[in-house]
């Protein structure tokens, strides 16, 4: 009887293993939800929906985008992190995940997720009016250093990514970030209009956001806070080229899943996102929208977020926003 019992146990184990293998082989066998922490119609929503449409074709299952807004991004990011770690709920996380926990808005941080892939980066620029006397970044930095408090900047809310991009640049230049008072706005567009009208002197938003006013000859970009020049504006120098500074900052988007999803599911999702990112359709879409394209594998995305989180903590502490 003992040998028979052992055979039965082996048979049951084999069936279970086969079932498990089959379950993964069939992943996904039902629709996937892709959570977006920001509103419908915005840039993050547009990028997420385009990637979702391409993933649907590759995976053979619907990838349904759901907008979970509120709490300055906390609600949606929480929905992604707290979902079942089975690969059927993923999301598009954004740069705010490296910022919110330093303000005690949430305990979530980059380590709260399984990274899938980084798909986009829009580095901060530094814009002045077209008739500004500052022709180079060094001109502007010298004026700021000589006249602390005289010049104002705008482009997002207090403590938003563009505010912190400017603060980090000034800190790197050994200038007190408080030297340029920040005028909160509901985004780059109103900040740029204020710049063109003479209400503020600087707007450190992304080049794509400033594109229409740059093309119209209303504003000029003095630098881009990235390691490489932007393909859209090849004549705009990097911070290192313009002033010897190493600071980089920008708004980014990436696909992530709840912490603890199976490694093979993570690999399948990463491969699907990479296929979408590599497609001509995606590159054309991003170029038309003026978004930057940057790929980061799951491991590269994890390292990217770790570095960004440390940078945000440093600059948020410097400007008194970190709690």
Foldseek 3Di string as FASTA:
>chain_A
DVVVVVVVVVVVVVVVVVVVVVPLVLPPPEAAEAEEADDPPDPSNVLVVLLQVLLCVVNVYHYHYDYQYDLPSPRRVVVQQPDPQALRYKYKDKLCLLACVLLVSDVGHLVQWQFQKWWFWFWWWKKFWLPDPDPAPVSVLVVLQVQFPPFEAEFAAVRDQQLLLQLLLCVQVVHQSNSHHYDHDHGRVVRVVCRLVPNGGIYGAGCLVCVVCVVVSGMDTRETADPADDPVCNPRHHCCVRPNGNGIGTMTIGMTGHPDHDPSSSVVSSVSSVVSSPDPVSVVVCVVSVTGTDIDGSVRVSVVRVVSSVSNSVSCVSVVSGD
